[in-house]
C-alpha atoms as a PDB file:
ATOM      1  CA  MET A   1      23.557  -9.106  44.846  1.00  0.00           C
ATOM      2  CA  ASP A   2      20.547  -6.916  45.284  1.00  0.00           C
ATOM      3  CA  PHE A   3      20.380  -4.623  48.309  1.00  0.00           C
ATOM      4  CA  ALA A   4      17.531  -6.741  49.704  1.00  0.00           C
ATOM      5  CA  GLN A   5      19.851  -9.785  49.773  1.00  0.00           C
ATOM      6  CA  MET A   6      22.293  -8.254  52.249  1.00  0.00           C
ATOM      7  CA  PRO A   7      22.930 -10.773  55.085  1.00  0.00           C
ATOM      8  CA  PRO A   8      21.734  -9.701  58.546  1.00  0.00           C
ATOM      9  CA  ASP A   9      25.310  -9.762  59.886  1.00  0.00           C
ATOM     10  CA  TRP A  10      26.878  -7.811  57.007  1.00  0.00           C
ATOM     11  CA  PRO A  11      29.269  -5.133  58.337  1.00  0.00           C
ATOM     12  CA  HIS A  12      27.517  -1.808  59.035  1.00  0.00           C
ATOM     13  CA  ARG A  13      24.252  -3.096  57.631  1.00  0.00           C
ATOM     14  CA  ASP A  14      22.384  -0.765  59.994  1.00  0.00           C
ATOM     15  CA  ARG A  15      23.988   2.265  58.313  1.00  0.00           C
ATOM     16  CA  ALA A  16      23.602   1.035  54.735  1.00  0.00           C
ATOM     17  CA  ARG A  17      20.887   2.353  52.457  1.00  0.00           C
ATOM     18  CA  ARG A  18      19.794   2.101  48.860  1.00  0.00           C
ATOM     19  CA  ILE A  19      20.300   5.229  46.763  1.00  0.00           C
ATOM     20  CA  ALA A  20      18.885   5.515  43.258  1.00  0.00           C
ATOM     21  CA  SER A  21      21.284   7.731  41.293  1.00  0.00           C
ATOM     22  CA  ARG A  22      21.377   7.228  37.550  1.00  0.00           C
ATOM     23  CA  PRO A  23      22.336   4.911  36.091  1.00  0.00           C
ATOM     24  CA  HIS A  24      22.816   2.649  39.147  1.00  0.00           C
ATOM     25  CA  ASP A  25      20.984   1.589  42.298  1.00  0.00           C
ATOM     26  CA  TRP A  26      23.715   2.137  44.856  1.00  0.00           C
ATOM     27  CA  CYS A  27      24.340   0.541  48.220  1.00  0.00           C
ATOM     28  CA  VAL A  28      25.876   3.217  50.443  1.00  0.00           C
ATOM     29  CA  ILE A  29      27.082   3.097  54.048  1.00  0.00           C
ATOM     30  CA  ASP A  30      26.504   6.504  55.648  1.00  0.00           C
ATOM     31  CA  ALA A  31      27.902   6.936  59.160  1.00  0.00           C
ATOM     32  CA  GLY A  32      29.260   9.613  61.471  1.00  0.00           C
ATOM     33  CA  ALA A  33      29.102  13.401  61.355  1.00  0.00           C
ATOM     34  CA  GLY A  34      31.417  16.209  60.301  1.00  0.00           C
ATOM     35  CA  PRO A  35      33.404  16.840  57.109  1.00  0.00           C
ATOM     36  CA  VAL A  36      32.579  14.206  54.510  1.00  0.00           C
ATOM     37  CA  LEU A  37      35.020  11.480  53.525  1.00  0.00           C
ATOM     38  CA  LEU A  38      34.243   9.304  50.505  1.00  0.00           C
ATOM     39  CA  LEU A  39      35.714   5.785  50.800  1.00  0.00           C
ATOM     40  CA  LEU A  40      36.254   3.780  47.604  1.00  0.00           C
ATOM     41  CA  HIS A  41      37.074   0.060  47.611  1.00  0.00           C
ATOM     42  CA  GLY A  42      39.133  -1.796  45.024  1.00  0.00           C
ATOM     43  CA  ALA A  43      38.115  -4.135  42.198  1.00  0.00           C
ATOM     44  CA  GLY A  44      36.447  -7.292  43.457  1.00  0.00           C
ATOM     45  CA  GLY A  45      35.693  -5.908  46.902  1.00  0.00           C
ATOM     46  CA  SER A  46      32.863  -3.900  48.417  1.00  0.00           C
ATOM     47  CA  GLY A  47      32.391  -1.194  51.008  1.00  0.00           C
ATOM     48  CA  HIS A  48      32.638  -3.907  53.672  1.00  0.00           C
ATOM     49  CA  SER A  49      36.417  -3.848  53.256  1.00  0.00           C
ATOM     50  CA  PHE A  50      36.456  -0.631  55.320  1.00  0.00           C
ATOM     51  CA  ARG A  51      34.510  -2.294  58.157  1.00  0.00           C
ATOM     52  CA  THR A  52      37.264  -1.903  60.776  1.00  0.00           C
ATOM     53  CA  LEU A  53      38.435   1.511  59.557  1.00  0.00           C
ATOM     54  CA  ILE A  54      34.988   3.154  59.594  1.00  0.00           C
ATOM     55  CA  PRO A  55      34.628   3.221  63.421  1.00  0.00           C
ATOM     56  CA  LEU A  56      38.030   4.920  63.662  1.00  0.00           C
ATOM     57  CA  LEU A  57      36.948   7.673  61.249  1.00  0.00           C
ATOM     58  CA  THR A  58      33.381   8.396  62.393  1.00  0.00           C
ATOM     59  CA  PRO A  59      34.314  10.193  65.641  1.00  0.00           C
ATOM     60  CA  HIS A  60      35.772  12.910  63.397  1.00  0.00           C
ATOM     61  CA  TYR A  61      34.052  12.616  60.010  1.00  0.00           C
ATOM     62  CA  ARG A  62      30.934  11.598  58.157  1.00  0.00           C
ATOM     63  CA  VAL A  63      31.930   8.669  55.958  1.00  0.00           C
ATOM     64  CA  ILE A  64      30.156   7.743  52.736  1.00  0.00           C
ATOM     65  CA  VAL A  65      31.084   4.252  51.538  1.00  0.00           C
ATOM     66  CA  PRO A  66      29.471   3.063  48.285  1.00  0.00           C
ATOM     67  CA  ASP A  67      29.763  -0.361  46.726  1.00  0.00           C
ATOM     68  CA  LEU A  68      31.071   0.303  43.221  1.00  0.00           C
ATOM     69  CA  PRO A  69      28.688  -0.340  40.281  1.00  0.00           C
ATOM     70  CA  GLY A  70      27.678  -3.996  40.006  1.00  0.00           C
ATOM     71  CA  GLN A  71      29.893  -5.022  42.928  1.00  0.00           C
ATOM     72  CA  GLY A  72      28.736  -5.869  46.415  1.00  0.00           C
ATOM     73  CA  PHE A  73      25.131  -4.746  46.770  1.00  0.00           C
ATOM     74  CA  THR A  74      25.062  -1.971  44.164  1.00  0.00           C
ATOM     75  CA  ARG A  75      22.941  -2.974  41.191  1.00  0.00           C
ATOM     76  CA  SER A  76      24.458  -1.816  37.926  1.00  0.00           C
ATOM     77  CA  GLY A  77      22.298   0.044  35.450  1.00  0.00           C
ATOM     78  CA  ALA A  78      24.895   0.091  32.666  1.00  0.00           C
ATOM     79  CA  ARG A  79      27.609  -2.529  32.100  1.00  0.00           C
ATOM     80  CA  SER A  80      29.352  -0.109  29.732  1.00  0.00           C
ATOM     81  CA  ARG A  81      30.228   2.233  32.626  1.00  0.00           C
ATOM     82  CA  TYR A  82      32.852   0.194  34.496  1.00  0.00           C
ATOM     83  CA  GLY A  83      35.842   2.163  33.182  1.00  0.00           C
ATOM     84  CA  ILE A  84      37.614   4.771  35.281  1.00  0.00           C
ATOM     85  CA  ASP A  85      36.093   7.786  33.477  1.00  0.00           C
ATOM     86  CA  PRO A  86      32.407   6.779  33.572  1.00  0.00           C
ATOM     87  CA  MET A  87      32.762   5.371  37.094  1.00  0.00           C
ATOM     88  CA  ALA A  88      34.154   8.701  38.312  1.00  0.00           C
ATOM     89  CA  GLU A  89      31.317  10.538  36.566  1.00  0.00           C
ATOM     90  CA  ASP A  90      28.718   8.256  38.168  1.00  0.00           C
ATOM     91  CA  LEU A  91      30.272   8.688  41.615  1.00  0.00           C
ATOM     92  CA  ALA A  92      30.141  12.462  41.176  1.00  0.00           C
ATOM     93  CA  GLU A  93      26.467  12.139  40.270  1.00  0.00           C
ATOM     94  CA  LEU A  94      25.921  10.023  43.396  1.00  0.00           C
ATOM     95  CA  CYS A  95      27.458  12.804  45.490  1.00  0.00           C
ATOM     96  CA  ARG A  96      25.082  15.298  43.888  1.00  0.00           C
ATOM     97  CA  THR A  97      22.141  13.002  44.587  1.00  0.00           C
ATOM     98  CA  LEU A  98      23.213  12.737  48.231  1.00  0.00           C
ATOM     99  CA  ASP A  99      23.793  16.510  48.312  1.00  0.00           C
ATOM    100  CA  ILE A 100      27.286  16.080  49.729  1.00  0.00           C
ATOM    101  CA  ALA A 101      30.615  17.723  48.941  1.00  0.00           C
ATOM    102  CA  PRO A 102      33.389  15.333  50.022  1.00  0.00           C
ATOM    103  CA  ALA A 103      36.361  17.076  51.571  1.00  0.00           C
ATOM    104  CA  ALA A 104      38.590  14.092  50.844  1.00  0.00           C
ATOM    105  CA  VAL A 105      38.538  10.655  49.239  1.00  0.00           C
ATOM    106  CA  ILE A 106      40.210   7.553  50.647  1.00  0.00           C
ATOM    107  CA  GLY A 107      40.697   4.896  47.972  1.00  0.00           C
ATOM    108  CA  HIS A 108      42.047   1.380  48.266  1.00  0.00           C
ATOM    109  CA  SER A 109      43.831  -0.266  45.333  1.00  0.00           C
ATOM    110  CA  ALA A 110      41.928   0.691  42.134  1.00  0.00           C
ATOM    111  CA  GLY A 111      39.882   3.003  44.356  1.00  0.00           C
ATOM    112  CA  GLY A 112      43.044   5.086  44.781  1.00  0.00           C
ATOM    113  CA  ALA A 113      43.274   5.732  41.044  1.00  0.00           C
ATOM    114  CA  LEU A 114      39.542   6.402  40.953  1.00  0.00           C
ATOM    115  CA  ALA A 115      39.967   8.988  43.729  1.00  0.00           C
ATOM    116  CA  LEU A 116      42.538  10.867  41.641  1.00  0.00           C
ATOM    117  CA  ARG A 117      40.224  10.833  38.615  1.00  0.00           C
ATOM    118  CA  LEU A 118      37.340  12.075  40.767  1.00  0.00           C
ATOM    119  CA  ALA A 119      39.463  15.059  41.813  1.00  0.00           C
ATOM    120  CA  GLU A 120      39.156  16.335  38.241  1.00  0.00           C
ATOM    121  CA  ILE A 121      35.369  16.497  38.667  1.00  0.00           C
ATOM    122  CA  LEU A 122      34.802  17.418  42.315  1.00  0.00           C
ATOM    123  CA  PRO A 123      36.547  20.179  44.329  1.00  0.00           C
ATOM    124  CA  LEU A 124      38.327  17.834  46.739  1.00  0.00           C
ATOM    125  CA  ARG A 125      40.707  19.085  49.411  1.00  0.00           C
ATOM    126  CA  ALA A 126      42.820  15.926  49.757  1.00  0.00           C
ATOM    127  CA  ILE A 127      43.218  12.292  48.699  1.00  0.00           C
ATOM    128  CA  VAL A 128      44.530   9.240  50.545  1.00  0.00           C
ATOM    129  CA  GLY A 129      45.527   6.109  48.632  1.00  0.00           C
ATOM    130  CA  LEU A 130      45.850   2.773  50.418  1.00  0.00           C
ATOM    131  CA  ASN A 131      48.071   0.428  48.418  1.00  0.00           C
ATOM    132  CA  ALA A 132      46.826   2.430  45.450  1.00  0.00           C
ATOM    133  CA  ALA A 133      46.953   0.619  42.099  1.00  0.00           C
ATOM    134  CA  LEU A 134      48.579   3.418  40.100  1.00  0.00           C
ATOM    135  CA  GLY A 135      50.861   1.387  37.874  1.00  0.00           C
ATOM    136  CA  ALA A 136      50.443  -0.895  34.865  1.00  0.00           C
ATOM    137  CA  PHE A 137      50.975  -4.645  34.990  1.00  0.00           C
ATOM    138  CA  ASP A 138      54.581  -5.686  34.404  1.00  0.00           C
ATOM    139  CA  GLY A 139      55.797  -7.648  31.390  1.00  0.00           C
ATOM    140  CA  ALA A 140      53.489 -10.016  29.516  1.00  0.00           C
ATOM    141  CA  ALA A 141      50.787  -9.571  32.163  1.00  0.00           C
ATOM    142  CA  GLY A 142      50.387  -6.012  30.926  1.00  0.00           C
ATOM    143  CA  VAL A 143      49.103  -7.414  27.639  1.00  0.00           C
ATOM    144  CA  LEU A 144      47.608 -10.796  28.512  1.00  0.00           C
ATOM    145  CA  PHE A 145      45.644  -9.970  31.664  1.00  0.00           C
ATOM    146  CA  PRO A 146      43.560  -7.103  30.221  1.00  0.00           C
ATOM    147  CA  LEU A 147      42.860  -9.193  27.107  1.00  0.00           C
ATOM    148  CA  LEU A 148      41.798 -12.168  29.226  1.00  0.00           C
ATOM    149  CA  ALA A 149      39.508  -9.996  31.349  1.00  0.00           C
ATOM    150  CA  LYS A 150      37.953  -8.517  28.200  1.00  0.00           C
ATOM    151  CA  VAL A 151      37.226 -11.951  26.745  1.00  0.00           C
ATOM    152  CA  LEU A 152      35.781 -13.259  30.021  1.00  0.00           C
ATOM    153  CA  SER A 153      33.613 -10.188  30.574  1.00  0.00           C
ATOM    154  CA  VAL A 154      31.749 -10.656  27.270  1.00  0.00           C
ATOM    155  CA  THR A 155      31.224 -14.412  27.701  1.00  0.00           C
ATOM    156  CA  PRO A 156      27.784 -14.763  29.342  1.00  0.00           C
ATOM    157  CA  PHE A 157      28.311 -18.019  31.269  1.00  0.00           C
ATOM    158  CA  ILE A 158      31.799 -17.230  32.606  1.00  0.00           C
ATOM    159  CA  PRO A 159      30.720 -15.233  35.707  1.00  0.00           C
ATOM    160  CA  HIS A 160      28.440 -18.101  36.749  1.00  0.00           C
ATOM    161  CA  VAL A 161      31.256 -20.623  36.289  1.00  0.00           C
ATOM    162  CA  VAL A 162      33.717 -18.482  38.276  1.00  0.00           C
ATOM    163  CA  ALA A 163      31.163 -17.955  41.057  1.00  0.00           C
ATOM    164  CA  ARG A 164      30.466 -21.687  41.288  1.00  0.00           C
ATOM    165  CA  LEU A 165      34.101 -22.826  41.162  1.00  0.00           C
ATOM    166  CA  TRP A 166      35.666 -20.048  43.258  1.00  0.00           C
ATOM    167  CA  GLY A 167      32.926 -19.346  45.775  1.00  0.00           C
ATOM    168  CA  ASN A 168      34.279 -21.626  48.497  1.00  0.00           C
ATOM    169  CA  ALA A 169      36.474 -21.184  51.553  1.00  0.00           C
ATOM    170  CA  ALA A 170      39.559 -22.972  50.211  1.00  0.00           C
ATOM    171  CA  THR A 171      39.752 -20.966  46.985  1.00  0.00           C
ATOM    172  CA  VAL A 172      39.021 -17.616  48.618  1.00  0.00           C
ATOM    173  CA  GLN A 173      41.639 -18.331  51.287  1.00  0.00           C
ATOM    174  CA  ARG A 174      44.197 -19.010  48.548  1.00  0.00           C
ATOM    175  CA  LEU A 175      43.248 -15.800  46.749  1.00  0.00           C
ATOM    176  CA  LEU A 176      43.647 -13.792  49.940  1.00  0.00           C
ATOM    177  CA  VAL A 177      47.025 -15.373  50.685  1.00  0.00           C
ATOM    178  CA  THR A 178      48.268 -14.264  47.236  1.00  0.00           C
ATOM    179  CA  THR A 179      47.586 -10.654  48.293  1.00  0.00           C
ATOM    180  CA  GLY A 180      49.695 -11.073  51.419  1.00  0.00           C
ATOM    181  CA  SER A 181      46.614 -10.571  53.610  1.00  0.00           C
ATOM    182  CA  PRO A 182      45.263 -13.694  55.290  1.00  0.00           C
ATOM    183  CA  LEU A 183      42.069 -12.650  57.048  1.00  0.00           C
ATOM    184  CA  ALA A 184      40.101 -13.916  60.034  1.00  0.00           C
ATOM    185  CA  GLU A 185      37.186 -16.283  59.503  1.00  0.00           C
ATOM    186  CA  ASP A 186      34.526 -13.565  59.306  1.00  0.00           C
ATOM    187  CA  GLY A 187      36.503 -11.623  56.698  1.00  0.00           C
ATOM    188  CA  VAL A 188      36.934 -14.739  54.576  1.00  0.00           C
ATOM    189  CA  ALA A 189      33.203 -15.476  54.815  1.00  0.00           C
ATOM    190  CA  GLN A 190      32.363 -11.990  53.509  1.00  0.00           C
ATOM    191  CA  TYR A 191      34.581 -12.440  50.464  1.00  0.00           C
ATOM    192  CA  ILE A 192      33.079 -15.882  49.844  1.00  0.00           C
ATOM    193  CA  ALA A 193      29.632 -14.255  49.750  1.00  0.00           C
ATOM    194  CA  LEU A 194      30.868 -11.790  47.130  1.00  0.00           C
ATOM    195  CA  VAL A 195      32.633 -14.362  44.953  1.00  0.00           C
ATOM    196  CA  LYS A 196      29.561 -16.611  44.991  1.00  0.00           C
ATOM    197  CA  ASP A 197      27.525 -13.886  43.287  1.00  0.00           C
ATOM    198  CA  PRO A 198      27.739 -14.005  39.451  1.00  0.00           C
ATOM    199  CA  ALA A 199      26.684 -10.342  39.158  1.00  0.00           C
ATOM    200  CA  HIS A 200      29.590  -9.288  41.407  1.00  0.00           C
ATOM    201  CA  VAL A 201      32.023 -11.427  39.396  1.00  0.00           C
ATOM    202  CA  ASP A 202      30.652 -10.024  36.129  1.00  0.00           C
ATOM    203  CA  ALA A 203      31.096  -6.418  37.317  1.00  0.00           C
ATOM    204  CA  THR A 204      34.632  -7.132  38.567  1.00  0.00           C
ATOM    205  CA  LEU A 205      35.647  -8.651  35.228  1.00  0.00           C
ATOM    206  CA  GLY A 206      33.974  -5.748  33.439  1.00  0.00           C
ATOM    207  CA  MET A 207      35.919  -3.245  35.521  1.00  0.00           C
ATOM    208  CA  MET A 208      39.202  -5.014  34.750  1.00  0.00           C
ATOM    209  CA  ALA A 209      38.375  -5.134  31.035  1.00  0.00           C
ATOM    210  CA  GLN A 210      37.354  -1.467  30.759  1.00  0.00           C
ATOM    211  CA  TRP A 211      40.032   0.051  33.034  1.00  0.00           C
ATOM    212  CA  ARG A 212      42.349   2.261  30.934  1.00  0.00           C
ATOM    213  CA  LEU A 213      44.678   3.617  33.568  1.00  0.00           C
ATOM    214  CA  GLU A 214      47.545   4.290  31.167  1.00  0.00           C
ATOM    215  CA  GLU A 215      45.398   6.848  29.343  1.00  0.00           C
ATOM    216  CA  VAL A 216      44.748   9.025  32.389  1.00  0.00           C
ATOM    217  CA  MET A 217      47.682   8.559  34.791  1.00  0.00           C
ATOM    218  CA  PRO A 218      50.079  11.053  33.157  1.00  0.00           C
ATOM    219  CA  ARG A 219      47.430  13.737  33.582  1.00  0.00           C
ATOM    220  CA  LEU A 220      46.421  12.672  37.094  1.00  0.00           C
ATOM    221  CA  MET A 221      50.024  12.785  38.272  1.00  0.00           C
ATOM    222  CA  THR A 222      49.968  16.564  37.768  1.00  0.00           C
ATOM    223  CA  LEU A 223      47.068  17.212  40.170  1.00  0.00           C
ATOM    224  CA  PRO A 224      48.076  19.968  42.617  1.00  0.00           C
ATOM    225  CA  LEU A 225      46.042  18.861  45.650  1.00  0.00           C
ATOM    226  CA  PRO A 226      47.635  17.071  48.657  1.00  0.00           C
ATOM    227  CA  VAL A 227      47.867  13.290  48.216  1.00  0.00           C
ATOM    228  CA  LEU A 228      48.999  10.821  50.881  1.00  0.00           C
ATOM    229  CA  LEU A 229      49.936   7.375  49.602  1.00  0.00           C
ATOM    230  CA  ILE A 230      50.185   4.663  52.260  1.00  0.00           C
ATOM    231  CA  ALA A 231      51.672   1.327  51.235  1.00  0.00           C
ATOM    232  CA  SER A 232      52.541  -1.900  53.008  1.00  0.00           C
ATOM    233  CA  THR A 233      55.741  -3.833  52.421  1.00  0.00           C
ATOM    234  CA  GLY A 234      54.003  -7.219  52.402  1.00  0.00           C
ATOM    235  CA  ASP A 235      51.640  -6.343  49.546  1.00  0.00           C
ATOM    236  CA  ARG A 236      51.976  -9.040  46.888  1.00  0.00           C
ATOM    237  CA  ALA A 237      49.439  -7.438  44.541  1.00  0.00           C
ATOM    238  CA  VAL A 238      50.664  -3.824  44.299  1.00  0.00           C
ATOM    239  CA  PRO A 239      54.309  -3.437  45.379  1.00  0.00           C
ATOM    240  CA  ALA A 240      55.037  -0.587  47.778  1.00  0.00           C
ATOM    241  CA  ARG A 241      57.395   0.968  45.225  1.00  0.00           C
ATOM    242  CA  ILE A 242      54.344   1.937  43.107  1.00  0.00           C
ATOM    243  CA  SER A 243      53.117   4.309  45.813  1.00  0.00           C
ATOM    244  CA  ARG A 244      56.626   5.455  46.739  1.00  0.00           C
ATOM    245  CA  GLU A 245      57.441   6.427  43.154  1.00  0.00           C
ATOM    246  CA  ALA A 246      54.046   8.045  42.561  1.00  0.00           C
ATOM    247  CA  ALA A 247      54.307  10.163  45.719  1.00  0.00           C
ATOM    248  CA  ALA A 248      57.660  11.468  44.510  1.00  0.00           C
ATOM    249  CA  GLN A 249      56.133  12.502  41.166  1.00  0.00           C
ATOM    250  CA  LEU A 250      52.991  14.202  42.480  1.00  0.00           C
ATOM    251  CA  PRO A 251      53.248  17.975  43.014  1.00  0.00           C
ATOM    252  CA  ASP A 252      52.066  17.638  46.635  1.00  0.00           C
ATOM    253  CA  GLY A 253      52.562  13.949  47.315  1.00  0.00           C
ATOM    254  CA  SER A 254      53.481  12.298  50.614  1.00  0.00           C
ATOM    255  CA  TYR A 255      54.397   8.674  51.281  1.00  0.00           C
ATOM    256  CA  ALA A 256      54.004   6.538  54.395  1.00  0.00           C
ATOM    257  CA  GLU A 257      54.739   2.851  54.885  1.00  0.00           C
ATOM    258  CA  ILE A 258      53.368   0.087  57.083  1.00  0.00           C
ATOM    259  CA  PRO A 259      55.674  -2.923  57.460  1.00  0.00           C
ATOM    260  CA  ALA A 260      54.733  -6.542  56.831  1.00  0.00           C
ATOM    261  CA  ARG A 261      51.017  -6.131  56.097  1.00  0.00           C
ATOM    262  CA  GLY A 262      49.498  -7.171  52.759  1.00  0.00           C
ATOM    263  CA  HIS A 263      47.283  -5.621  50.116  1.00  0.00           C
ATOM    264  CA  LEU A 264      44.303  -5.516  52.492  1.00  0.00           C
ATOM    265  CA  MET A 265      46.211  -3.692  55.208  1.00  0.00           C
ATOM    266  CA  HIS A 266      43.160  -1.563  56.073  1.00  0.00           C
ATOM    267  CA  GLU A 267      41.359  -4.796  57.008  1.00  0.00           C
ATOM    268  CA  GLU A 268      44.324  -6.373  58.790  1.00  0.00           C
ATOM    269  CA  ALA A 269      45.569  -3.321  60.677  1.00  0.00           C
ATOM    270  CA  ALA A 270      43.015  -0.511  60.579  1.00  0.00           C
ATOM    271  CA  GLU A 271      44.532   1.103  63.689  1.00  0.00           C
ATOM    272  CA  ASP A 272      47.926   1.431  62.000  1.00  0.00           C
ATOM    273  CA  VAL A 273      46.326   2.946  58.897  1.00  0.00           C
ATOM    274  CA  ALA A 274      44.248   5.384  60.960  1.00  0.00           C
ATOM    275  CA  ALA A 275      47.308   6.431  62.949  1.00  0.00           C
ATOM    276  CA  LEU A 276      48.877   7.644  59.707  1.00  0.00           C
ATOM    277  CA  LEU A 277      45.927   9.147  57.880  1.00  0.00           C
ATOM    278  CA  LEU A 278      44.008  10.863  60.712  1.00  0.00           C
ATOM    279  CA  PRO A 279      46.726  13.380  61.676  1.00  0.00           C
ATOM    280  CA  TRP A 280      47.426  14.054  58.002  1.00  0.00           C
ATOM    281  CA  LEU A 281      43.730  14.637  57.228  1.00  0.00           C
ATOM    282  CA  ALA A 282      43.339  16.854  60.288  1.00  0.00           C
ATOM    283  CA  ALA A 283      46.178  19.079  59.051  1.00  0.00           C
ATOM    284  CA  GLU A 284      44.987  19.196  55.446  1.00  0.00           C
ATOM    285  CA  LEU A 285      41.294  19.705  56.253  1.00  0.00           C
ATOM    286  CA  SER A 286      41.663  22.157  59.116  1.00  0.00           C
ATOM    287  CA  GLY A 287      38.947  24.775  58.782  1.00  0.00           C
ATOM    288  CA  THR A 288      36.693  22.477  56.714  1.00  0.00           C
ATOM    289  CA  ALA A 289      33.069  22.701  57.852  1.00  0.00           C
END
């Protein structure tokens, strides 16, 4: 969807603005004051997924929340740049355009891996991953799913078919249940709006097809900066063990757990997430201007 198509009741619409930063036209929520936090959503979502967490962060920080290229209300300028490397490069360019130096990045799901990759480009002080997707698919899915996404992403009519067939309440509800995170009616409606948009579906499939996490994770797991990985035991998409094992491997990794919540725990229980990450960020970023 184009920025001009944003519904009047879209979360934090009053703080969203269009930013032209090559090669994309970004939609960015900019709220609060203080040290800058960059919030990165996962594949298939948008910055709206942080809607309940943002008000808990803005009393202490300035939060910058972009929709990733082609997803949500960011208009993609290059379909070839949906992989983790070019996406990190384009996010770094967005930060330069905004003239900001993020102190920390909070990434959900694939946004967690993207945050680690961004740390190789920007001088970050800390990273928080929320149910971070840091592992490969298990078994046959590790081969079949990326191949399927690649085929679908280069088939022109597929995004329109997916948007038409999946962009309804019943299907979106089922998709959300498979993540372990049933949402309230307004949250479901926001995801329906995203799934109905062929451009959003196309960018999500493109991201899945171009993501090459296995090529960068061994290197990213050696990053020396502090990393807090928060996982939820009810996540059916990314098991909590992924974060637990990654935190143990990182040079300065920490792990925290929230019981029962699903993959979208930051939407279900933002207060619980904030209760874990705010004290940790305060300790790691003390002295940051």
